[in-house]
Protein backbone atom coordinates (compact mmCIF):
# COMPACT_ATOMS: atom_id res chain seq x y z
CA MET A 1 12.62 -8.89 7.46
CA THR A 2 12.68 -7.38 10.92
CA THR A 3 9.40 -5.39 12.16
CA PRO A 4 9.53 -1.77 10.42
CA ILE A 5 9.84 1.44 12.49
CA LEU A 6 7.88 3.20 10.13
CA THR A 7 4.33 2.39 8.32
CA VAL A 8 3.18 4.66 5.79
CA ARG A 9 -0.80 3.44 5.84
CA THR A 10 -2.56 4.74 2.64
CA ALA A 11 -6.43 4.07 1.88
CA THR A 12 -7.29 3.56 -1.41
CA ARG A 13 -10.70 2.84 -3.78
CA ASN A 14 -10.36 2.69 -7.45
CA ARG A 15 -7.24 3.95 -8.06
CA ALA A 16 -5.49 2.06 -9.67
CA HIS A 17 -4.19 4.97 -11.93
CA ARG A 18 -2.67 6.53 -9.52
CA VAL A 19 -0.63 3.53 -7.49
CA PRO A 20 2.42 3.11 -9.79
CA ARG A 21 3.08 6.65 -9.17
CA LEU A 22 2.55 6.87 -4.98
CA ALA A 23 4.51 3.73 -5.42
CA ALA A 24 7.25 5.58 -7.00
CA SER A 25 7.11 8.01 -4.49
CA VAL A 26 6.90 5.83 -1.56
CA GLN A 27 9.73 3.43 -2.85
CA GLY A 28 12.20 6.61 -3.93
CA GLN A 29 12.63 8.09 0.01
CA ASP A 30 15.72 7.69 1.42
CA ILE A 31 15.19 4.90 4.14
CA ALA A 32 17.41 1.59 5.22
CA PRO A 33 16.51 -1.58 3.72
CA ASP A 34 13.76 -3.67 6.20
CA LEU A 35 13.24 -0.01 8.30
CA ALA A 36 9.91 0.68 6.50
CA GLU A 37 6.42 -0.64 4.52
CA TRP A 38 4.11 0.58 2.34
CA LEU A 39 0.40 -0.34 3.94
CA VAL A 40 -2.27 0.33 1.43
CA VAL A 41 -5.79 -0.94 2.57
CA ASP A 42 -7.96 -1.85 -0.66
CA ASP A 43 -11.66 -0.04 0.44
CA GLY A 44 -13.29 -2.44 -1.71
CA SER A 45 -11.91 -1.25 -5.37
CA THR A 46 -13.97 -2.29 -9.02
CA ASP A 47 -11.06 -1.45 -11.05
CA ASP A 48 -7.55 -2.87 -11.25
CA THR A 49 -6.29 -1.49 -8.19
CA ARG A 50 -5.92 -4.99 -6.90
CA ALA A 51 -4.17 -6.25 -9.66
CA CYS A 52 -1.56 -3.27 -9.52
CA LEU A 53 -1.18 -3.55 -5.61
CA LEU A 54 -0.15 -7.28 -6.61
CA ASP A 55 2.25 -6.90 -9.27
CA ILE A 56 4.11 -4.32 -7.03
CA SER A 57 4.13 -6.27 -4.17
CA MET A 58 5.98 -8.68 -6.16
CA GLN A 59 8.61 -6.10 -7.10
CA GLU A 60 11.90 -6.01 -4.93
CA SER A 61 11.90 -3.06 -2.77
CA SER A 62 13.28 -1.17 0.19
CA VAL A 63 10.12 -0.30 1.42
CA PRO A 64 8.01 -3.64 0.80
CA LEU A 65 3.95 -3.09 0.20
CA ARG A 66 1.82 -5.23 2.11
CA HIS A 67 -1.92 -4.67 1.40
CA ILE A 68 -5.21 -5.59 2.63
CA PHE A 69 -8.61 -5.48 0.84
CA VAL A 70 -11.84 -5.01 2.33
CA GLU A 71 -15.36 -4.99 1.97
CA PRO A 72 -16.11 -1.09 0.86
CA GLY A 73 -16.81 0.97 4.06
CA GLY A 74 -15.51 4.37 3.57
CA LYS A 75 -11.98 5.94 3.96
CA HIS A 76 -12.72 5.88 7.81
CA ARG A 77 -13.01 1.87 8.14
CA ALA A 78 -9.92 1.42 5.62
CA LEU A 79 -7.62 3.28 7.84
CA ASN A 80 -9.28 2.00 10.68
CA ALA A 81 -8.54 -1.53 9.33
CA GLY A 82 -4.80 -0.51 8.64
CA PHE A 83 -4.24 -0.18 12.30
């Protein structure tokens, strides 16, 4: 994979029910393969968010998913971890 020119950064916590719809939206964008990535920072979710992200990251996509799992600390810390 080449270095992406666009990173879509998302901070999340306990949003397993929303991740598939968001993934479909990100992956549905009209962008050349390998020019973008989707970075999700999971701020200590206690639901199925982690499993959902792992499943999505294993799927083939023109906008690949990278994920980081951090200890709960709030949205601002999750976004900072994404930087």
